[in-house]
Protein backbone atom coordinates (compact mmCIF):
# COMPACT_ATOMS: atom_id res chain seq x y z
CA MET A 1 0.00 0.00 0.00
CA GLU A 2 2.72 2.44 0.92
CA GLY A 3 3.77 4.50 -2.08
CA GLU A 4 0.73 3.58 -4.20
CA TRP A 5 -0.85 7.00 -4.00
CA ASN A 6 -0.99 7.44 -7.79
CA GLN A 7 -4.10 5.26 -7.83
CA ILE A 8 -6.13 8.22 -6.56
CA GLN A 9 -6.41 11.80 -7.74
CA LEU A 10 -5.86 14.09 -4.79
CA ARG A 11 -4.00 17.03 -6.22
CA GLY A 12 -5.85 20.18 -7.10
CA PRO A 13 -4.90 22.85 -9.64
CA ASN A 14 -4.33 25.61 -7.09
CA THR A 15 -1.01 24.58 -5.60
CA GLU A 16 1.15 27.61 -6.39
CA GLY A 17 4.23 27.85 -4.20
CA LEU A 18 4.40 24.08 -3.76
CA ALA A 19 6.82 21.94 -5.75
CA SER A 20 5.19 19.76 -8.37
CA CYS A 21 4.57 16.08 -7.68
CA HIS A 22 7.55 14.97 -9.75
CA ALA A 23 9.88 17.63 -8.27
CA VAL A 24 9.33 16.58 -4.64
CA THR A 25 12.16 14.35 -3.47
CA GLY A 26 13.70 12.90 -0.33
CA SER A 27 11.81 13.17 2.94
CA ALA A 28 9.19 15.46 1.43
CA ARG A 29 8.33 12.88 -1.24
CA LYS A 30 8.04 10.11 1.35
CA VAL A 31 5.83 12.25 3.58
CA ARG A 32 3.67 13.07 0.59
CA ASP A 33 3.36 9.40 -0.35
CA ASN A 34 2.50 8.53 3.24
CA ALA A 35 -0.27 11.13 3.27
CA ALA A 36 -1.86 9.57 0.19
CA ASP A 37 -1.51 6.12 1.74
CA TRP A 38 -3.39 7.35 4.81
CA HIS A 39 -6.15 8.56 2.51
CA ASN A 40 -6.33 5.24 0.67
CA LEU A 41 -6.36 3.20 3.88
CA MET A 42 -9.19 5.25 5.34
CA LEU A 43 -11.21 4.79 2.15
CA ARG A 44 -10.68 1.04 2.41
CA TRP A 45 -11.65 1.09 6.07
CA ASP A 46 -14.86 2.99 5.31
CA LYS A 47 -15.83 0.51 2.58
CA LEU A 48 -15.20 -2.43 4.90
CA SER A 49 -17.17 -0.68 7.63
CA GLU A 50 -20.16 -0.31 5.31
CA ASP A 51 -19.93 -3.95 4.25
CA GLY A 52 -19.58 -5.02 7.87
CA PHE A 53 -22.65 -3.08 8.91
CA ASP A 54 -24.71 -4.90 6.28
CA VAL A 55 -23.42 -8.25 7.54
CA ALA A 56 -23.99 -7.29 11.18
CA THR A 57 -27.56 -6.27 10.31
CA ASN A 58 -28.09 -9.68 8.70
CA ILE A 59 -26.89 -11.36 11.89
CA VAL A 60 -29.31 -9.35 14.01
CA ASN A 61 -32.20 -10.12 11.64
CA ILE A 62 -31.43 -13.86 11.67
CA LYS A 63 -31.30 -13.83 15.46
CA ARG A 64 -34.62 -12.00 15.58
CA SER A 65 -36.18 -14.52 13.21
CA GLN A 66 -34.93 -17.42 15.33
CA HIS A 67 -36.34 -15.78 18.45
CA GLU A 68 -39.71 -15.29 16.79
CA GLN A 69 -39.78 -18.94 15.75
CA LEU A 70 -39.32 -19.97 19.36
CA LEU A 71 -42.34 -17.88 20.32
CA VAL A 72 -44.65 -19.53 17.76
CA PRO A 73 -47.04 -22.04 19.42
CA GLU A 74 -45.97 -25.59 18.65
CA ALA A 75 -48.82 -26.88 16.50
CA SER A 76 -48.47 -30.12 14.59
CA SER A 77 -48.76 -28.24 11.30
CA SER A 78 -45.85 -25.94 12.14
CA SER A 79 -43.52 -28.28 14.01
CA SER A 80 -42.06 -29.86 10.87
CA SER A 81 -41.48 -26.52 9.15
CA SER A 82 -39.91 -25.14 12.33
CA ALA A 83 -37.58 -28.12 12.49
CA THR A 84 -36.38 -27.47 8.94
CA LEU A 85 -36.08 -23.70 9.29
CA GLN A 86 -33.96 -23.69 12.42
CA PRO A 87 -30.98 -25.70 11.04
CA SER A 88 -30.88 -23.58 7.88
CA GLY A 89 -31.10 -20.45 10.02
CA ALA A 90 -28.21 -21.66 12.15
CA ALA A 91 -26.11 -22.33 9.06
CA GLU A 92 -26.86 -18.89 7.65
CA LEU A 93 -26.04 -17.30 11.00
CA GLN A 94 -22.69 -19.05 11.06
CA ALA A 95 -21.97 -17.96 7.49
CA GLN A 96 -22.71 -14.33 8.32
CA CYS A 97 -20.56 -14.50 11.46
CA LEU A 98 -17.65 -15.81 9.41
CA LYS A 99 -18.13 -12.96 6.94
CA LEU A 100 -17.99 -10.43 9.75
CA LEU A 101 -14.86 -12.02 11.18
CA ASP A 102 -13.25 -11.88 7.74
CA ILE A 103 -14.05 -8.18 7.47
CA VAL A 104 -12.49 -7.54 10.87
CA GLU A 105 -9.37 -9.42 9.78
CA LYS A 106 -9.11 -7.12 6.76
CA MET A 107 -9.50 -4.15 9.09
CA THR A 108 -6.70 -5.59 11.21
CA ALA A 109 -4.47 -5.61 8.14
CA ILE A 110 -5.34 -1.97 7.48
CA VAL A 111 -4.37 -0.95 11.01
CA ALA A 112 -1.11 -2.89 10.63
CA ARG A 113 -0.34 -0.79 7.57
CA MET A 114 -1.24 2.36 9.50
CA GLU A 115 1.29 1.28 12.14
CA ARG A 116 3.95 1.05 9.45
CA LEU A 117 3.07 4.52 8.19
CA ALA A 118 3.37 5.94 11.71
CA ALA A 119 6.73 4.21 12.15
CA SER A 120 7.85 5.64 8.81
CA GLN A 121 6.92 9.15 9.96
CA GLN A 122 8.89 8.67 13.14
CA ALA A 123 11.93 7.56 11.15
CA LEU A 124 11.60 10.57 8.85
CA ARG A 125 11.39 12.91 11.83
CA GLU A 126 14.53 11.37 13.34
CA LEU A 127 16.32 11.67 9.99
CA GLU A 128 15.41 15.33 9.61
CA GLU A 129 16.51 16.03 13.18
CA LEU A 130 19.92 14.57 12.36
CA ARG A 131 20.15 16.62 9.19
CA SER A 132 19.01 19.91 10.70
CA GLY A 133 20.34 19.51 14.21
CA SER A 134 16.98 20.80 15.47
CA ALA A 135 14.40 18.92 17.52
CA GLY A 136 11.40 18.00 15.40
CA GLY A 137 13.18 18.82 12.14
CA ALA A 138 12.40 22.51 12.40
CA ALA A 139 12.33 23.44 8.70
CA PRO A 140 8.91 22.89 7.05
CA LEU A 141 8.92 20.35 4.22
CA PHE A 142 5.93 21.96 2.49
CA HIS A 143 3.99 24.95 3.83
CA SER A 144 4.29 25.10 7.61
CA TRP A 145 4.43 21.65 9.23
CA THR A 146 7.61 20.22 10.67
CA THR A 147 8.31 16.49 10.47
CA LYS A 148 7.30 16.27 14.15
CA GLN A 149 3.84 17.55 13.26
CA PHE A 150 3.50 14.92 10.54
CA GLU A 151 4.48 12.26 13.06
CA ASP A 152 1.98 13.59 15.62
CA ALA A 153 -0.79 13.52 13.00
CA SER A 154 0.02 9.91 12.15
CA ARG A 155 0.06 8.90 15.81
CA LEU A 156 -3.30 10.56 16.41
CA MET A 157 -4.97 8.77 13.50
CA LEU A 158 -3.35 5.44 14.37
CA ALA A 159 -4.52 5.65 17.99
CA ALA A 160 -8.13 6.24 16.90
CA PHE A 161 -8.26 3.37 14.41
CA SER A 162 -6.45 1.01 16.77
CA GLU A 163 -9.07 1.61 19.45
CA GLU A 164 -11.89 1.24 16.96
CA LEU A 165 -10.43 -2.07 15.79
CA LYS A 166 -10.56 -3.37 19.37
CA LEU A 167 -14.26 -2.48 19.48
CA ARG A 168 -14.89 -4.15 16.12
CA ARG A 169 -13.31 -7.35 17.39
CA VAL A 170 -15.60 -7.39 20.41
CA ILE A 171 -18.66 -6.78 18.26
CA SER A 172 -17.74 -9.50 15.76
CA GLN A 173 -17.31 -12.01 18.59
CA GLU A 174 -20.32 -11.06 20.68
CA LEU A 175 -23.04 -9.92 18.28
CA ALA A 176 -24.43 -13.40 17.56
CA HIS A 177 -24.50 -14.13 21.30
CA ALA A 178 -26.27 -10.94 22.40
CA ALA A 179 -28.79 -11.85 25.09
CA THR A 180 -31.33 -9.18 24.14
CA SER A 181 -32.40 -7.28 21.05
CA ASP A 182 -31.48 -4.04 22.83
CA LEU A 183 -27.89 -5.20 23.21
CA SER A 184 -27.84 -6.21 19.55
CA MET A 185 -28.93 -2.69 18.60
CA VAL A 186 -26.19 -1.21 20.79
CA TYR A 187 -23.62 -3.30 18.93
CA LEU A 188 -25.08 -2.23 15.57
CA SER A 189 -25.06 1.42 16.60
CA CYS A 190 -21.44 1.20 17.73
CA TRP A 191 -20.43 -0.37 14.43
CA LEU A 192 -22.25 2.30 12.44
CA HIS A 193 -21.09 5.37 14.35
CA GLN A 194 -17.48 4.32 15.09
CA PRO A 195 -17.28 6.02 18.51
CA CYS A 196 -13.52 5.50 18.85
CA ILE A 197 -12.80 7.49 15.67
CA PRO A 198 -13.54 11.13 16.53
CA ALA A 199 -14.13 13.81 13.93
CA GLN A 200 -10.66 15.14 14.75
CA SER A 201 -9.15 12.11 13.00
CA ARG A 202 -10.84 12.99 9.71
CA ILE A 203 -9.98 16.66 10.14
CA THR A 204 -6.36 15.68 10.73
CA LEU A 205 -6.34 13.69 7.49
CA GLU A 206 -7.71 16.68 5.55
CA ALA A 207 -5.10 18.95 7.13
CA LEU A 208 -2.42 16.43 6.16
CA LEU A 209 -3.64 16.36 2.56
CA LEU A 210 -3.76 20.16 2.43
CA GLU A 211 -0.25 20.51 3.85
CA THR A 212 1.24 18.04 1.37
CA GLY A 213 -0.53 19.54 -1.65
CA HIS A 214 -2.99 16.72 -2.32
CA ARG A 215 -5.81 19.16 -1.62
CA PRO A 216 -5.80 22.73 -2.97
CA LEU A 217 -5.39 25.48 -0.40
């Protein structure tokens, strides 16, 4: 993923005062590539989150259907159909649970790549400190940010997605075992609204893209 930012179009036409894409070299080029990788990874995360919500909703609906079947009076005419529906429902529930676990595994891979990006930013900051002799690599690489600020931005975003991943793992493991429909809805709501990823994380990404010239100022 790292370095594959050419797959998306982030640059705008109004980037006067900033070196062109092909002219940026060294640490600045790597920081710029990292910024685009952050963008791509968040897009992937959002797509997986949408897919996961659909799967989680299916799990809740299957559980609700199974619960309703248990409440149906056991008449002779319905007992045979109930006996055939429940095994198929259990198989479908298991299939949906496996889908959700697979989505969470893909999210785990995304966070692992985010960790590598954060480590890369730290290494770049340390390199610029050695070159400049100043803490944080004082000279801006683009408009105003130092390499320390790029590292801080990466750490902030990584922390948010790491915490959200922990929540996703809990939901994927517990959703099918929720004791009540209310608890199921809490899990669904948490998956949808991503409480561990504050708006500041998205704002930080936009600031990062602006600073590196992927977004027009």
